[in-house]
Amino acid sequence: MPRPFRDSLKHALAGLVAAYHNQPNVRIHTIVAGLILIVALLAGKSALEIGLLVVTIAMVIVAELINTAIEMLADVMHPRLSKSVQILKDVSAAAVLVCSIAAVIIGMLLFYPVLGYN
C-alpha cells in the first residue's frame, strides 16, 4: 500500500534538512541562491527573470542533492574506493559543475544590464 503523501513529504523534507546540515556545498548553494534572489528583487527584475533564476537555482540544488545521494550510496556499497566508483563519483560531481556553470552564465546574462553594461 502506498504511503500517504504527508509521510512522503515529511521524508523528503528530512532529506533536504539532512543534506543542508551535512553537505557544505548544499549550504553554499542555498546561501548564494538566497542572496541572488534578494539582489534580483532589489534590482527590480521581472517575474519572468526571477522565475528563470528560481528554476536555475533549483537545477543546481537538485544536481547537488543527486550527487550527494550517489556518493553516499557508492560509499555504502563499496567502502573501498575502486576505479569504477571513483569515475562514478567524478561524473556525478561533473553534473553539478555543468549545472553551476550554466547558472553562472544565466546569472551573468540577467545581471549584465544591472552592472552598468548595456
PDB file of N, CA and C in Angstrom:
ATOM      1  N   MET A   1       0.852  -1.178   0.000  1.00  0.00           N
ATOM      2  CA  MET A   1       0.000   0.000   0.000  1.00  0.00           C
ATOM      3  C   MET A   1       0.898   1.242   0.000  1.00  0.00           C
ATOM      4  N   PRO A   2       0.618   2.194  -0.899  1.00  0.00           N
ATOM      5  CA  PRO A   2       1.445   3.398  -0.948  1.00  0.00           C
ATOM      6  C   PRO A   2       1.312   4.214   0.336  1.00  0.00           C
ATOM      7  N   ARG A   3       2.420   4.852   0.685  1.00  0.00           N
ATOM      8  CA  ARG A   3       2.383   5.680   1.892  1.00  0.00           C
ATOM      9  C   ARG A   3       1.649   6.988   1.611  1.00  0.00           C
ATOM     10  N   PRO A   4       1.062   7.562   2.635  1.00  0.00           N
ATOM     11  CA  PRO A   4       0.353   8.838   2.460  1.00  0.00           C
ATOM     12  C   PRO A   4       1.307   9.949   2.005  1.00  0.00           C
ATOM     13  N   PHE A   5       0.766  10.877   1.244  1.00  0.00           N
ATOM     14  CA  PHE A   5       1.554  11.999   0.738  1.00  0.00           C
ATOM     15  C   PHE A   5       2.250  12.731   1.880  1.00  0.00           C
ATOM     16  N   ARG A   6       1.564  12.906   2.989  1.00  0.00           N
ATOM     17  CA  ARG A   6       2.131  13.612   4.149  1.00  0.00           C
ATOM     18  C   ARG A   6       3.440  12.948   4.597  1.00  0.00           C
ATOM     19  N   ASP A   7       3.457  11.616   4.633  1.00  0.00           N
ATOM     20  CA  ASP A   7       4.662  10.889   5.030  1.00  0.00           C
ATOM     21  C   ASP A   7       5.769  11.074   3.998  1.00  0.00           C
ATOM     22  N   SER A   8       5.420  11.024   2.734  1.00  0.00           N
ATOM     23  CA  SER A   8       6.413  11.237   1.675  1.00  0.00           C
ATOM     24  C   SER A   8       7.028  12.627   1.780  1.00  0.00           C
ATOM     25  N   LEU A   9       6.187  13.613   2.012  1.00  0.00           N
ATOM     26  CA  LEU A   9       6.662  14.979   2.156  1.00  0.00           C
ATOM     27  C   LEU A   9       7.571  15.115   3.377  1.00  0.00           C
ATOM     28  N   LYS A  10       7.190  14.472   4.470  1.00  0.00           N
ATOM     29  CA  LYS A  10       7.997  14.507   5.695  1.00  0.00           C
ATOM     30  C   LYS A  10       9.387  13.937   5.439  1.00  0.00           C
ATOM     31  N   HIS A  11       9.455  12.810   4.743  1.00  0.00           N
ATOM     32  CA  HIS A  11      10.745  12.186   4.456  1.00  0.00           C
ATOM     33  C   HIS A  11      11.577  13.042   3.501  1.00  0.00           C
ATOM     34  N   ALA A  12      10.931  13.629   2.511  1.00  0.00           N
ATOM     35  CA  ALA A  12      11.653  14.483   1.563  1.00  0.00           C
ATOM     36  C   ALA A  12      12.234  15.704   2.268  1.00  0.00           C
ATOM     37  N   LEU A  13      11.444  16.312   3.146  1.00  0.00           N
ATOM     38  CA  LEU A  13      11.944  17.474   3.893  1.00  0.00           C
ATOM     39  C   LEU A  13      13.072  17.073   4.847  1.00  0.00           C
ATOM     40  N   ALA A  14      12.960  15.888   5.449  1.00  0.00           N
ATOM     41  CA  ALA A  14      14.033  15.391   6.319  1.00  0.00           C
ATOM     42  C   ALA A  14      15.320  15.206   5.520  1.00  0.00           C
ATOM     43  N   GLY A  15      15.193  14.723   4.284  1.00  0.00           N
ATOM     44  CA  GLY A  15      16.361  14.569   3.426  1.00  0.00           C
ATOM     45  C   GLY A  15      16.980  15.906   3.063  1.00  0.00           C
ATOM     46  N   LEU A  16      16.153  16.886   2.797  1.00  0.00           N
ATOM     47  CA  LEU A  16      16.645  18.225   2.477  1.00  0.00           C
ATOM     48  C   LEU A  16      17.376  18.830   3.670  1.00  0.00           C
ATOM     49  N   VAL A  17      16.800  18.698   4.851  1.00  0.00           N
ATOM     50  CA  VAL A  17      17.434  19.213   6.072  1.00  0.00           C
ATOM     51  C   VAL A  17      18.744  18.482   6.334  1.00  0.00           C
ATOM     52  N   ALA A  18      18.754  17.164   6.173  1.00  0.00           N
ATOM     53  CA  ALA A  18      19.974  16.380   6.392  1.00  0.00           C
ATOM     54  C   ALA A  18      21.065  16.808   5.424  1.00  0.00           C
ATOM     55  N   ALA A  19      20.717  17.005   4.160  1.00  0.00           N
ATOM     56  CA  ALA A  19      21.708  17.444   3.173  1.00  0.00           C
ATOM     57  C   ALA A  19      22.245  18.829   3.535  1.00  0.00           C
ATOM     58  N   TYR A  20      21.355  19.714   3.958  1.00  0.00           N
ATOM     59  CA  TYR A  20      21.780  21.067   4.329  1.00  0.00           C
ATOM     60  C   TYR A  20      22.765  21.029   5.504  1.00  0.00           C
ATOM     61  N   HIS A  21      22.479  20.202   6.488  1.00  0.00           N
ATOM     62  CA  HIS A  21      23.319  20.153   7.684  1.00  0.00           C
ATOM     63  C   HIS A  21      24.612  19.368   7.488  1.00  0.00           C
ATOM     64  N   ASN A  22      24.620  18.421   6.541  1.00  0.00           N
ATOM     65  CA  ASN A  22      25.773  17.532   6.394  1.00  0.00           C
ATOM     66  C   ASN A  22      26.629  17.777   5.159  1.00  0.00           C
ATOM     67  N   GLN A  23      26.146  18.582   4.243  1.00  0.00           N
ATOM     68  CA  GLN A  23      26.873  18.809   2.997  1.00  0.00           C
ATOM     69  C   GLN A  23      27.184  20.297   2.829  1.00  0.00           C
ATOM     70  N   PRO A  24      28.447  20.667   2.999  1.00  0.00           N
ATOM     71  CA  PRO A  24      28.813  22.086   2.869  1.00  0.00           C
ATOM     72  C   PRO A  24      28.397  22.704   1.531  1.00  0.00           C
ATOM     73  N   ASN A  25      28.495  21.945   0.432  1.00  0.00           N
ATOM     74  CA  ASN A  25      28.133  22.512  -0.870  1.00  0.00           C
ATOM     75  C   ASN A  25      26.651  22.835  -0.967  1.00  0.00           C
ATOM     76  N   VAL A  26      25.804  22.053  -0.322  1.00  0.00           N
ATOM     77  CA  VAL A  26      24.367  22.353  -0.309  1.00  0.00           C
ATOM     78  C   VAL A  26      24.132  23.668   0.435  1.00  0.00           C
ATOM     79  N   ARG A  27      24.827  23.847   1.557  1.00  0.00           N
ATOM     80  CA  ARG A  27      24.699  25.116   2.305  1.00  0.00           C
ATOM     81  C   ARG A  27      25.173  26.291   1.460  1.00  0.00           C
ATOM     82  N   ILE A  28      26.307  26.129   0.792  1.00  0.00           N
ATOM     83  CA  ILE A  28      26.852  27.217  -0.032  1.00  0.00           C
ATOM     84  C   ILE A  28      25.861  27.567  -1.144  1.00  0.00           C
ATOM     85  N   HIS A  29      25.366  26.566  -1.855  1.00  0.00           N
ATOM     86  CA  HIS A  29      24.414  26.822  -2.945  1.00  0.00           C
ATOM     87  C   HIS A  29      23.158  27.516  -2.418  1.00  0.00           C
ATOM     88  N   THR A  30      22.675  27.084  -1.262  1.00  0.00           N
ATOM     89  CA  THR A  30      21.450  27.653  -0.694  1.00  0.00           C
ATOM     90  C   THR A  30      21.656  29.114  -0.280  1.00  0.00           C
ATOM     91  N   ILE A  31      22.768  29.394   0.360  1.00  0.00           N
ATOM     92  CA  ILE A  31      23.053  30.766   0.808  1.00  0.00           C
ATOM     93  C   ILE A  31      23.243  31.689  -0.390  1.00  0.00           C
ATOM     94  N   VAL A  32      24.022  31.255  -1.370  1.00  0.00           N
ATOM     95  CA  VAL A  32      24.237  32.066  -2.571  1.00  0.00           C
ATOM     96  C   VAL A  32      22.912  32.282  -3.301  1.00  0.00           C
ATOM     97  N   ALA A  33      22.093  31.250  -3.379  1.00  0.00           N
ATOM     98  CA  ALA A  33      20.794  31.365  -4.042  1.00  0.00           C
ATOM     99  C   ALA A  33      19.928  32.424  -3.371  1.00  0.00           C
ATOM    100  N   GLY A  34      19.887  32.402  -2.055  1.00  0.00           N
ATOM    101  CA  GLY A  34      19.110  33.402  -1.324  1.00  0.00           C
ATOM    102  C   GLY A  34      19.600  34.810  -1.609  1.00  0.00           C
ATOM    103  N   LEU A  35      20.915  34.994  -1.611  1.00  0.00           N
ATOM    104  CA  LEU A  35      21.481  36.318  -1.894  1.00  0.00           C
ATOM    105  C   LEU A  35      21.166  36.767  -3.322  1.00  0.00           C
ATOM    106  N   ILE A  36      21.272  35.856  -4.262  1.00  0.00           N
ATOM    107  CA  ILE A  36      20.973  36.187  -5.665  1.00  0.00           C
ATOM    108  C   ILE A  36      19.514  36.610  -5.818  1.00  0.00           C
ATOM    109  N   LEU A  37      18.615  35.895  -5.158  1.00  0.00           N
ATOM    110  CA  LEU A  37      17.197  36.254  -5.253  1.00  0.00           C
ATOM    111  C   LEU A  37      16.923  37.616  -4.623  1.00  0.00           C
ATOM    112  N   ILE A  38      17.578  37.914  -3.512  1.00  0.00           N
ATOM    113  CA  ILE A  38      17.420  39.227  -2.879  1.00  0.00           C
ATOM    114  C   ILE A  38      17.916  40.321  -3.823  1.00  0.00           C
ATOM    115  N   VAL A  39      19.089  40.125  -4.421  1.00  0.00           N
ATOM    116  CA  VAL A  39      19.637  41.106  -5.362  1.00  0.00           C
ATOM    117  C   VAL A  39      18.698  41.276  -6.555  1.00  0.00           C
ATOM    118  N   ALA A  40      18.148  40.174  -7.049  1.00  0.00           N
ATOM    119  CA  ALA A  40      17.228  40.252  -8.192  1.00  0.00           C
ATOM    120  C   ALA A  40      15.989  41.068  -7.840  1.00  0.00           C
ATOM    121  N   LEU A  41      15.456  40.846  -6.653  1.00  0.00           N
ATOM    122  CA  LEU A  41      14.282  41.618  -6.225  1.00  0.00           C
ATOM    123  C   LEU A  41      14.624  43.096  -6.076  1.00  0.00           C
ATOM    124  N   LEU A  42      15.767  43.389  -5.457  1.00  0.00           N
ATOM    125  CA  LEU A  42      16.185  44.781  -5.281  1.00  0.00           C
ATOM    126  C   LEU A  42      16.496  45.464  -6.615  1.00  0.00           C
ATOM    127  N   ALA A  43      16.952  44.685  -7.583  1.00  0.00           N
ATOM    128  CA  ALA A  43      17.282  45.234  -8.896  1.00  0.00           C
ATOM    129  C   ALA A  43      16.036  45.405  -9.768  1.00  0.00           C
ATOM    130  N   GLY A  44      14.880  44.990  -9.251  1.00  0.00           N
ATOM    131  CA  GLY A  44      13.642  45.170  -9.992  1.00  0.00           C
ATOM    132  C   GLY A  44      13.481  44.211 -11.164  1.00  0.00           C
ATOM    133  N   LYS A  45      14.050  43.028 -11.047  1.00  0.00           N
ATOM    134  CA  LYS A  45      13.912  42.045 -12.120  1.00  0.00           C
ATOM    135  C   LYS A  45      12.449  41.651 -12.272  1.00  0.00           C
ATOM    136  N   SER A  46      12.075  41.290 -13.486  1.00  0.00           N
ATOM    137  CA  SER A  46      10.689  40.920 -13.773  1.00  0.00           C
ATOM    138  C   SER A  46      10.374  39.552 -13.167  1.00  0.00           C
ATOM    139  N   ALA A  47       9.088  39.249 -13.117  1.00  0.00           N
ATOM    140  CA  ALA A  47       8.658  37.945 -12.607  1.00  0.00           C
ATOM    141  C   ALA A  47       9.243  36.823 -13.460  1.00  0.00           C
ATOM    142  N   LEU A  48       9.321  37.033 -14.766  1.00  0.00           N
ATOM    143  CA  LEU A  48       9.892  36.026 -15.658  1.00  0.00           C
ATOM    144  C   LEU A  48      11.378  35.807 -15.350  1.00  0.00           C
ATOM    145  N   GLU A  49      12.106  36.885 -15.140  1.00  0.00           N
ATOM    146  CA  GLU A  49      13.536  36.770 -14.829  1.00  0.00           C
ATOM    147  C   GLU A  49      13.748  36.086 -13.475  1.00  0.00           C
ATOM    148  N   ILE A  50      12.943  36.439 -12.497  1.00  0.00           N
ATOM    149  CA  ILE A  50      13.052  35.795 -11.185  1.00  0.00           C
ATOM    150  C   ILE A  50      12.653  34.319 -11.296  1.00  0.00           C
ATOM    151  N   GLY A  51      11.646  34.033 -12.092  1.00  0.00           N
ATOM    152  CA  GLY A  51      11.269  32.643 -12.325  1.00  0.00           C
ATOM    153  C   GLY A  51      12.405  31.850 -12.951  1.00  0.00           C
ATOM    154  N   LEU A  52      13.093  32.451 -13.910  1.00  0.00           N
ATOM    155  CA  LEU A  52      14.244  31.801 -14.535  1.00  0.00           C
ATOM    156  C   LEU A  52      15.344  31.551 -13.495  1.00  0.00           C
ATOM    157  N   LEU A  53      15.569  32.509 -12.616  1.00  0.00           N
ATOM    158  CA  LEU A  53      16.551  32.320 -11.545  1.00  0.00           C
ATOM    159  C   LEU A  53      16.143  31.182 -10.609  1.00  0.00           C
ATOM    160  N   VAL A  54      14.864  31.122 -10.262  1.00  0.00           N
ATOM    161  CA  VAL A  54      14.387  30.059  -9.364  1.00  0.00           C
ATOM    162  C   VAL A  54      14.598  28.688 -10.012  1.00  0.00           C
ATOM    163  N   VAL A  55      14.264  28.559 -11.287  1.00  0.00           N
ATOM    164  CA  VAL A  55      14.460  27.282 -11.979  1.00  0.00           C
ATOM    165  C   VAL A  55      15.952  26.942 -12.049  1.00  0.00           C
ATOM    166  N   THR A  56      16.773  27.927 -12.320  1.00  0.00           N
ATOM    167  CA  THR A  56      18.217  27.713 -12.402  1.00  0.00           C
ATOM    168  C   THR A  56      18.783  27.293 -11.050  1.00  0.00           C
ATOM    169  N   ILE A  57      18.352  27.964 -10.009  1.00  0.00           N
ATOM    170  CA  ILE A  57      18.795  27.621  -8.644  1.00  0.00           C
ATOM    171  C   ILE A  57      18.352  26.204  -8.296  1.00  0.00           C
ATOM    172  N   ALA A  58      17.108  25.885  -8.614  1.00  0.00           N
ATOM    173  CA  ALA A  58      16.597  24.540  -8.331  1.00  0.00           C
ATOM    174  C   ALA A  58      17.418  23.490  -9.075  1.00  0.00           C
ATOM    175  N   MET A  59      17.781  23.775 -10.316  1.00  0.00           N
ATOM    176  CA  MET A  59      18.575  22.848 -11.116  1.00  0.00           C
ATOM    177  C   MET A  59      19.907  22.536 -10.418  1.00  0.00           C
ATOM    178  N   VAL A  60      20.572  23.562  -9.916  1.00  0.00           N
ATOM    179  CA  VAL A  60      21.862  23.365  -9.258  1.00  0.00           C
ATOM    180  C   VAL A  60      21.687  22.594  -7.948  1.00  0.00           C
ATOM    181  N   ILE A  61      20.694  22.961  -7.161  1.00  0.00           N
ATOM    182  CA  ILE A  61      20.493  22.284  -5.876  1.00  0.00           C
ATOM    183  C   ILE A  61      20.064  20.836  -6.087  1.00  0.00           C
ATOM    184  N   VAL A  62      19.202  20.580  -7.058  1.00  0.00           N
ATOM    185  CA  VAL A  62      18.807  19.198  -7.358  1.00  0.00           C
ATOM    186  C   VAL A  62      20.021  18.385  -7.801  1.00  0.00           C
ATOM    187  N   ALA A  63      20.862  18.960  -8.655  1.00  0.00           N
ATOM    188  CA  ALA A  63      22.076  18.251  -9.086  1.00  0.00           C
ATOM    189  C   ALA A  63      22.958  17.932  -7.877  1.00  0.00           C
ATOM    190  N   GLU A  64      23.084  18.871  -6.966  1.00  0.00           N
ATOM    191  CA  GLU A  64      23.899  18.648  -5.762  1.00  0.00           C
ATOM    192  C   GLU A  64      23.290  17.555  -4.888  1.00  0.00           C
ATOM    193  N   LEU A  65      21.971  17.547  -4.738  1.00  0.00           N
ATOM    194  CA  LEU A  65      21.307  16.509  -3.942  1.00  0.00           C
ATOM    195  C   LEU A  65      21.493  15.129  -4.573  1.00  0.00           C
ATOM    196  N   ILE A  66      21.354  15.052  -5.881  1.00  0.00           N
ATOM    197  CA  ILE A  66      21.551  13.768  -6.570  1.00  0.00           C
ATOM    198  C   ILE A  66      23.005  13.326  -6.439  1.00  0.00           C
ATOM    199  N   ASN A  67      23.936  14.252  -6.598  1.00  0.00           N
ATOM    200  CA  ASN A  67      25.348  13.937  -6.437  1.00  0.00           C
ATOM    201  C   ASN A  67      25.623  13.391  -5.033  1.00  0.00           C
ATOM    202  N   THR A  68      25.048  14.030  -4.035  1.00  0.00           N
ATOM    203  CA  THR A  68      25.221  13.580  -2.649  1.00  0.00           C
ATOM    204  C   THR A  68      24.674  12.169  -2.471  1.00  0.00           C
ATOM    205  N   ALA A  69      23.482  11.917  -3.005  1.00  0.00           N
ATOM    206  CA  ALA A  69      22.881  10.589  -2.875  1.00  0.00           C
ATOM    207  C   ALA A  69      23.729   9.526  -3.568  1.00  0.00           C
ATOM    208  N   ILE A  70      24.222   9.828  -4.755  1.00  0.00           N
ATOM    209  CA  ILE A  70      25.057   8.871  -5.490  1.00  0.00           C
ATOM    210  C   ILE A  70      26.342   8.587  -4.717  1.00  0.00           C
ATOM    211  N   GLU A  71      26.982   9.632  -4.221  1.00  0.00           N
ATOM    212  CA  GLU A  71      28.239   9.432  -3.487  1.00  0.00           C
ATOM    213  C   GLU A  71      28.018   8.639  -2.202  1.00  0.00           C
ATOM    214  N   MET A  72      26.943   8.926  -1.487  1.00  0.00           N
ATOM    215  CA  MET A  72      26.672   8.187  -0.251  1.00  0.00           C
ATOM    216  C   MET A  72      26.352   6.724  -0.555  1.00  0.00           C
ATOM    217  N   LEU A  73      25.582   6.479  -1.590  1.00  0.00           N
ATOM    218  CA  LEU A  73      25.259   5.104  -1.967  1.00  0.00           C
ATOM    219  C   LEU A  73      26.523   4.349  -2.389  1.00  0.00           C
ATOM    220  N   ALA A  74      27.371   5.006  -3.143  1.00  0.00           N
ATOM    221  CA  ALA A  74      28.620   4.374  -3.568  1.00  0.00           C
ATOM    222  C   ALA A  74      29.491   4.038  -2.355  1.00  0.00           C
ATOM    223  N   ASP A  75      29.539   4.930  -1.373  1.00  0.00           N
ATOM    224  CA  ASP A  75      30.334   4.676  -0.167  1.00  0.00           C
ATOM    225  C   ASP A  75      29.798   3.487   0.621  1.00  0.00           C
ATOM    226  N   VAL A  76      28.480   3.352   0.660  1.00  0.00           N
ATOM    227  CA  VAL A  76      27.876   2.228   1.384  1.00  0.00           C
ATOM    228  C   VAL A  76      28.093   0.919   0.623  1.00  0.00           C
ATOM    229  N   MET A  77      27.904   0.954  -0.675  1.00  0.00           N
ATOM    230  CA  MET A  77      28.018  -0.265  -1.487  1.00  0.00           C
ATOM    231  C   MET A  77      29.469  -0.721  -1.653  1.00  0.00           C
ATOM    232  N   HIS A  78      30.383   0.243  -1.740  1.00  0.00           N
ATOM    233  CA  HIS A  78      31.795  -0.073  -1.978  1.00  0.00           C
ATOM    234  C   HIS A  78      32.676   0.787  -1.073  1.00  0.00           C
ATOM    235  N   PRO A  79      32.817   0.392   0.201  1.00  0.00           N
ATOM    236  CA  PRO A  79      33.610   1.188   1.141  1.00  0.00           C
ATOM    237  C   PRO A  79      35.060   1.398   0.680  1.00  0.00           C
ATOM    238  N   ARG A  80      35.596   0.416  -0.046  1.00  0.00           N
ATOM    239  CA  ARG A  80      36.941   0.572  -0.595  1.00  0.00           C
ATOM    240  C   ARG A  80      36.810   1.153  -1.993  1.00  0.00           C
ATOM    241  N   LEU A  81      37.423   2.287  -2.192  1.00  0.00           N
ATOM    242  CA  LEU A  81      37.277   3.011  -3.450  1.00  0.00           C
ATOM    243  C   LEU A  81      37.913   2.227  -4.602  1.00  0.00           C
ATOM    244  N   SER A  82      37.118   1.940  -5.610  1.00  0.00           N
ATOM    245  CA  SER A  82      37.631   1.290  -6.814  1.00  0.00           C
ATOM    246  C   SER A  82      37.663   2.330  -7.938  1.00  0.00           C
ATOM    247  N   LYS A  83      38.295   1.963  -9.030  1.00  0.00           N
ATOM    248  CA  LYS A  83      38.378   2.866 -10.187  1.00  0.00           C
ATOM    249  C   LYS A  83      36.967   3.216 -10.690  1.00  0.00           C
ATOM    250  N   SER A  84      36.086   2.211 -10.753  1.00  0.00           N
ATOM    251  CA  SER A  84      34.718   2.453 -11.236  1.00  0.00           C
ATOM    252  C   SER A  84      33.949   3.387 -10.311  1.00  0.00           C
ATOM    253  N   VAL A  85      34.101   3.198  -9.010  1.00  0.00           N
ATOM    254  CA  VAL A  85      33.415   4.062  -8.044  1.00  0.00           C
ATOM    255  C   VAL A  85      33.967   5.479  -8.134  1.00  0.00           C
ATOM    256  N   GLN A  86      35.268   5.618  -8.320  1.00  0.00           N
ATOM    257  CA  GLN A  86      35.860   6.953  -8.458  1.00  0.00           C
ATOM    258  C   GLN A  86      35.304   7.658  -9.698  1.00  0.00           C
ATOM    259  N   ILE A  87      35.195   6.937 -10.796  1.00  0.00           N
ATOM    260  CA  ILE A  87      34.634   7.527 -12.019  1.00  0.00           C
ATOM    261  C   ILE A  87      33.174   7.913 -11.792  1.00  0.00           C
ATOM    262  N   LEU A  88      32.416   7.040 -11.135  1.00  0.00           N
ATOM    263  CA  LEU A  88      31.023   7.336 -10.811  1.00  0.00           C
ATOM    264  C   LEU A  88      30.912   8.647 -10.022  1.00  0.00           C
ATOM    265  N   LYS A  89      31.732   8.781  -8.996  1.00  0.00           N
ATOM    266  CA  LYS A  89      31.693   9.996  -8.170  1.00  0.00           C
ATOM    267  C   LYS A  89      32.129  11.224  -8.966  1.00  0.00           C
ATOM    268  N   ASP A  90      33.153  11.059  -9.793  1.00  0.00           N
ATOM    269  CA  ASP A  90      33.625  12.185 -10.601  1.00  0.00           C
ATOM    270  C   ASP A  90      32.572  12.638 -11.604  1.00  0.00           C
ATOM    271  N   VAL A  91      31.894  11.686 -12.220  1.00  0.00           N
ATOM    272  CA  VAL A  91      30.860  12.025 -13.199  1.00  0.00           C
ATOM    273  C   VAL A  91      29.679  12.722 -12.526  1.00  0.00           C
ATOM    274  N   SER A  92      29.268  12.243 -11.347  1.00  0.00           N
ATOM    275  CA  SER A  92      28.143  12.899 -10.667  1.00  0.00           C
ATOM    276  C   SER A  92      28.544  14.302 -10.204  1.00  0.00           C
ATOM    277  N   ALA A  93      29.802  14.473  -9.808  1.00  0.00           N
ATOM    278  CA  ALA A  93      30.274  15.818  -9.452  1.00  0.00           C
ATOM    279  C   ALA A  93      30.336  16.709 -10.689  1.00  0.00           C
ATOM    280  N   ALA A  94      30.690  16.132 -11.826  1.00  0.00           N
ATOM    281  CA  ALA A  94      30.735  16.901 -13.073  1.00  0.00           C
ATOM    282  C   ALA A  94      29.349  17.420 -13.449  1.00  0.00           C
ATOM    283  N   ALA A  95      28.310  16.638 -13.151  1.00  0.00           N
ATOM    284  CA  ALA A  95      26.943  17.089 -13.431  1.00  0.00           C
ATOM    285  C   ALA A  95      26.623  18.364 -12.649  1.00  0.00           C
ATOM    286  N   VAL A  96      27.074  18.412 -11.404  1.00  0.00           N
ATOM    287  CA  VAL A  96      26.874  19.618 -10.592  1.00  0.00           C
ATOM    288  C   VAL A  96      27.656  20.780 -11.192  1.00  0.00           C
ATOM    289  N   LEU A  97      28.881  20.510 -11.626  1.00  0.00           N
ATOM    290  CA  LEU A  97      29.709  21.555 -12.222  1.00  0.00           C
ATOM    291  C   LEU A  97      29.055  22.129 -13.476  1.00  0.00           C
ATOM    292  N   VAL A  98      28.536  21.269 -14.341  1.00  0.00           N
ATOM    293  CA  VAL A  98      27.881  21.736 -15.565  1.00  0.00           C
ATOM    294  C   VAL A  98      26.668  22.605 -15.221  1.00  0.00           C
ATOM    295  N   CYS A  99      25.860  22.167 -14.262  1.00  0.00           N
ATOM    296  CA  CYS A  99      24.697  22.961 -13.842  1.00  0.00           C
ATOM    297  C   CYS A  99      25.132  24.301 -13.256  1.00  0.00           C
ATOM    298  N   SER A 100      26.198  24.287 -12.476  1.00  0.00           N
ATOM    299  CA  SER A 100      26.687  25.522 -11.853  1.00  0.00           C
ATOM    300  C   SER A 100      27.210  26.503 -12.898  1.00  0.00           C
ATOM    301  N   ILE A 101      27.921  26.001 -13.890  1.00  0.00           N
ATOM    302  CA  ILE A 101      28.419  26.871 -14.961  1.00  0.00           C
ATOM    303  C   ILE A 101      27.246  27.483 -15.723  1.00  0.00           C
ATOM    304  N   ALA A 102      26.248  26.670 -16.034  1.00  0.00           N
ATOM    305  CA  ALA A 102      25.058  27.185 -16.716  1.00  0.00           C
ATOM    306  C   ALA A 102      24.378  28.256 -15.859  1.00  0.00           C
ATOM    307  N   ALA A 103      24.310  28.035 -14.548  1.00  0.00           N
ATOM    308  CA  ALA A 103      23.680  29.003 -13.645  1.00  0.00           C
ATOM    309  C   ALA A 103      24.452  30.319 -13.636  1.00  0.00           C
ATOM    310  N   VAL A 104      25.768  30.243 -13.632  1.00  0.00           N
ATOM    311  CA  VAL A 104      26.586  31.463 -13.657  1.00  0.00           C
ATOM    312  C   VAL A 104      26.352  32.232 -14.959  1.00  0.00           C
ATOM    313  N   ILE A 105      26.296  31.522 -16.071  1.00  0.00           N
ATOM    314  CA  ILE A 105      26.056  32.178 -17.357  1.00  0.00           C
ATOM    315  C   ILE A 105      24.681  32.847 -17.375  1.00  0.00           C
ATOM    316  N   ILE A 106      23.663  32.148 -16.895  1.00  0.00           N
ATOM    317  CA  ILE A 106      22.314  32.729 -16.833  1.00  0.00           C
ATOM    318  C   ILE A 106      22.314  33.953 -15.930  1.00  0.00           C
ATOM    319  N   GLY A 107      22.973  33.854 -14.773  1.00  0.00           N
ATOM    320  CA  GLY A 107      23.061  34.990 -13.864  1.00  0.00           C
ATOM    321  C   GLY A 107      23.757  36.176 -14.503  1.00  0.00           C
ATOM    322  N   MET A 108      24.841  35.905 -15.209  1.00  0.00           N
ATOM    323  CA  MET A 108      25.561  37.000 -15.883  1.00  0.00           C
ATOM    324  C   MET A 108      24.684  37.679 -16.934  1.00  0.00           C
ATOM    325  N   LEU A 109      23.946  36.877 -17.687  1.00  0.00           N
ATOM    326  CA  LEU A 109      23.067  37.448 -18.709  1.00  0.00           C
ATOM    327  C   LEU A 109      21.955  38.290 -18.084  1.00  0.00           C
ATOM    328  N   LEU A 110      21.416  37.825 -16.963  1.00  0.00           N
ATOM    329  CA  LEU A 110      20.325  38.564 -16.318  1.00  0.00           C
ATOM    330  C   LEU A 110      20.819  39.812 -15.607  1.00  0.00           C
ATOM    331  N   PHE A 111      22.012  39.765 -15.059  1.00  0.00           N
ATOM    332  CA  PHE A 111      22.508  40.906 -14.280  1.00  0.00           C
ATOM    333  C   PHE A 111      23.449  41.814 -15.074  1.00  0.00           C
ATOM    334  N   TYR A 112      23.762  41.445 -16.283  1.00  0.00           N
ATOM    335  CA  TYR A 112      24.653  42.240 -17.115  1.00  0.00           C
ATOM    336  C   TYR A 112      24.212  43.700 -17.200  1.00  0.00           C
ATOM    337  N   PRO A 113      22.923  44.001 -17.480  1.00  0.00           N
ATOM    338  CA  PRO A 113      22.497  45.402 -17.532  1.00  0.00           C
ATOM    339  C   PRO A 113      22.572  46.092 -16.156  1.00  0.00           C
ATOM    340  N   VAL A 114      22.341  45.357 -15.079  1.00  0.00           N
ATOM    341  CA  VAL A 114      22.372  45.944 -13.742  1.00  0.00           C
ATOM    342  C   VAL A 114      23.789  46.384 -13.378  1.00  0.00           C
ATOM    343  N   LEU A 115      24.778  45.700 -13.918  1.00  0.00           N
ATOM    344  CA  LEU A 115      26.161  46.027 -13.615  1.00  0.00           C
ATOM    345  C   LEU A 115      26.662  47.246 -14.399  1.00  0.00           C
ATOM    346  N   GLY A 116      25.785  47.833 -15.206  1.00  0.00           N
ATOM    347  CA  GLY A 116      26.131  49.051 -15.918  1.00  0.00           C
ATOM    348  C   GLY A 116      26.574  48.816 -17.354  1.00  0.00           C
ATOM    349  N   TYR A 117      26.438  47.593 -17.816  1.00  0.00           N
ATOM    350  CA  TYR A 117      26.814  47.282 -19.193  1.00  0.00           C
ATOM    351  C   TYR A 117      25.532  47.119 -20.003  1.00  0.00           C
ATOM    352  N   ASN A 118      25.466  47.757 -21.141  1.00  0.00           N
ATOM    353  CA  ASN A 118      24.258  47.639 -21.982  1.00  0.00           C
ATOM    354  C   ASN A 118      24.554  46.960 -23.253  1.00  0.00           C
TER     355      ASN A 118
END
